[in-house]
Protein backbone atom coordinates (compact mmCIF):
# COMPACT_ATOMS: atom_id res chain seq x y z
CA MET A 1 -105.72 98.73 -76.38
CA GLN A 2 -107.20 95.25 -76.38
CA THR A 3 -105.07 92.15 -76.29
CA THR A 4 -105.17 89.55 -79.06
CA GLU A 5 -107.02 87.20 -76.73
CA GLU A 6 -109.70 89.83 -76.02
CA VAL A 7 -110.17 90.50 -79.74
CA LEU A 8 -110.53 86.77 -80.46
CA VAL A 9 -113.20 86.47 -77.75
CA ILE A 10 -115.12 89.43 -79.24
CA ILE A 11 -114.93 87.97 -82.76
CA GLY A 12 -116.07 84.59 -81.47
CA HIS A 13 -118.95 86.13 -79.54
CA ASN A 14 -120.11 88.04 -82.63
CA ILE A 15 -119.94 84.96 -84.85
CA ARG A 16 -121.91 82.93 -82.29
CA LYS A 17 -124.51 85.69 -82.01
CA LEU A 18 -124.91 85.87 -85.81
CA ARG A 19 -125.08 82.07 -86.10
CA LYS A 20 -127.73 81.79 -83.39
CA SER A 21 -129.77 84.62 -84.92
CA LYS A 22 -130.04 82.39 -88.01
CA LYS A 23 -130.96 79.42 -85.80
CA TRP A 24 -128.01 77.50 -87.25
CA SER A 25 -126.06 74.89 -85.34
CA GLN A 26 -122.27 74.91 -85.51
CA ALA A 27 -122.61 71.95 -87.89
CA ASP A 28 -124.94 73.97 -90.15
CA LEU A 29 -122.47 76.86 -90.28
CA SER A 30 -119.52 74.53 -90.85
CA LEU A 31 -121.22 73.04 -93.91
CA LYS A 32 -121.97 76.49 -95.34
CA VAL A 33 -118.37 77.72 -95.02
CA GLY A 34 -116.44 74.48 -95.49
CA MET A 35 -114.82 74.40 -92.04
CA HIS A 36 -114.96 71.63 -89.45
CA ARG A 37 -117.57 72.00 -86.69
CA SER A 38 -114.94 71.82 -83.95
CA TYR A 39 -113.02 74.65 -85.65
CA ILE A 40 -116.19 76.80 -85.60
CA GLY A 41 -116.55 75.99 -81.88
CA ALA A 42 -112.95 76.99 -81.20
CA ILE A 43 -113.45 80.30 -83.05
CA GLU A 44 -116.64 81.03 -81.10
CA ASN A 45 -114.81 80.33 -77.84
CA GLY A 46 -111.95 82.66 -78.75
CA LYS A 47 -109.46 79.78 -78.89
CA LYS A 48 -108.45 80.08 -82.57
CA ASN A 49 -106.67 82.98 -84.21
CA ILE A 50 -108.74 82.89 -87.38
CA SER A 51 -107.13 84.02 -90.63
CA LEU A 52 -108.62 86.90 -92.63
CA ILE A 53 -109.39 84.48 -95.48
CA LYS A 54 -111.46 82.24 -93.20
CA LEU A 55 -113.09 85.25 -91.54
CA SER A 56 -114.05 86.46 -95.02
CA ARG A 57 -115.64 83.08 -95.81
CA LEU A 58 -117.68 83.33 -92.62
CA ALA A 59 -118.73 86.90 -93.36
CA LYS A 60 -120.15 85.94 -96.76
CA VAL A 61 -122.79 83.59 -95.30
CA PHE A 62 -124.40 86.17 -93.02
CA GLU A 63 -126.96 88.78 -93.92
CA VAL A 64 -128.64 91.47 -91.88
CA LYS A 65 -132.41 91.96 -91.63
CA GLY A 66 -134.19 94.73 -89.83
CA TRP A 67 -136.06 97.96 -90.15
CA VAL A 68 -134.49 101.22 -91.21
CA HIS A 69 -133.59 103.41 -88.27
CA ASN A 70 -131.62 106.03 -90.19
CA PHE A 71 -130.17 106.60 -93.66
CA ARG A 72 -127.61 109.30 -94.50
CA LYS A 73 -125.75 110.08 -97.70
CA LEU A 74 -122.42 111.84 -97.43
CA GLY A 75 -121.09 112.43 -100.91
CA SER A 76 -120.04 109.13 -102.45
CA ILE A 77 -120.80 107.07 -99.35
CA ALA A 78 -124.02 106.30 -97.48
CA PHE A 79 -124.69 105.00 -93.98
CA LEU A 80 -127.71 102.82 -93.33
CA ILE A 81 -128.57 102.06 -89.71
CA LEU A 82 -130.75 98.96 -89.32
CA ARG A 83 -132.45 97.94 -86.12
CA ASP A 84 -133.72 94.55 -84.98
CA ARG A 85 -134.41 92.73 -81.72
CA GLY A 86 -130.70 92.45 -81.03
CA GLY A 87 -129.81 96.10 -81.51
CA PHE A 88 -128.37 98.20 -84.32
CA ALA A 89 -126.17 97.46 -87.33
CA GLN A 90 -124.46 100.06 -89.49
CA ILE A 91 -124.17 99.25 -93.17
CA ILE A 92 -121.77 101.29 -95.29
CA ILE A 93 -122.76 101.64 -98.94
CA GLU A 94 -120.20 102.81 -101.47
CA ASP A 95 -121.77 101.57 -104.71
CA LYS A 96 -123.73 104.34 -106.49
CA ALA A 97 -126.26 101.89 -107.99
CA GLU A 98 -126.99 100.42 -104.55
CA MET A 99 -127.44 103.92 -103.11
CA GLU A 100 -129.97 104.74 -105.81
CA LYS A 101 -131.99 101.63 -104.87
CA LEU A 102 -132.28 103.01 -101.34
CA ALA A 103 -133.14 106.59 -102.32
CA ASN A 104 -136.81 106.33 -101.30
CA LEU A 105 -136.32 104.55 -97.99
CA TYR A 106 -138.18 105.82 -94.99
CA THR A 107 -137.85 105.07 -91.31
CA GLY A 108 -139.49 101.76 -90.45
CA THR A 109 -139.00 100.11 -93.84
CA VAL A 110 -138.05 96.45 -93.35
CA ILE A 111 -135.15 95.31 -95.53
CA GLU A 112 -132.56 92.57 -95.84
CA VAL A 113 -128.91 93.34 -96.64
CA GLU A 114 -126.32 90.88 -97.88
CA GLY A 115 -122.62 91.57 -97.99
CA LYS A 116 -119.41 91.45 -96.03
CA VAL A 117 -119.80 91.61 -92.28
């Protein structure tokens, strides 16, 4: 089991990676989410135990772009695997209307997904 400190470092690393993939500075991100730049820096360095509310605010500003690697429907839930230069991202889709939009996807289709990260 990971310690709290290890989890904070992982969260910070992921936020930094997402921010840099957008080519945003810490100041850019801080303006988008309404947090001070130094607070963003402390999160990215694993020095702040960020609340779920603030983590949710951060998650709302990110989106995922890539090409479809795999798409599977399992009853009322679907799993979309996107691939980009940085690796893979799994998107879970639970909304039936959203699943219907993706019904004709094929491997290699380039899409952009917005939602909670």
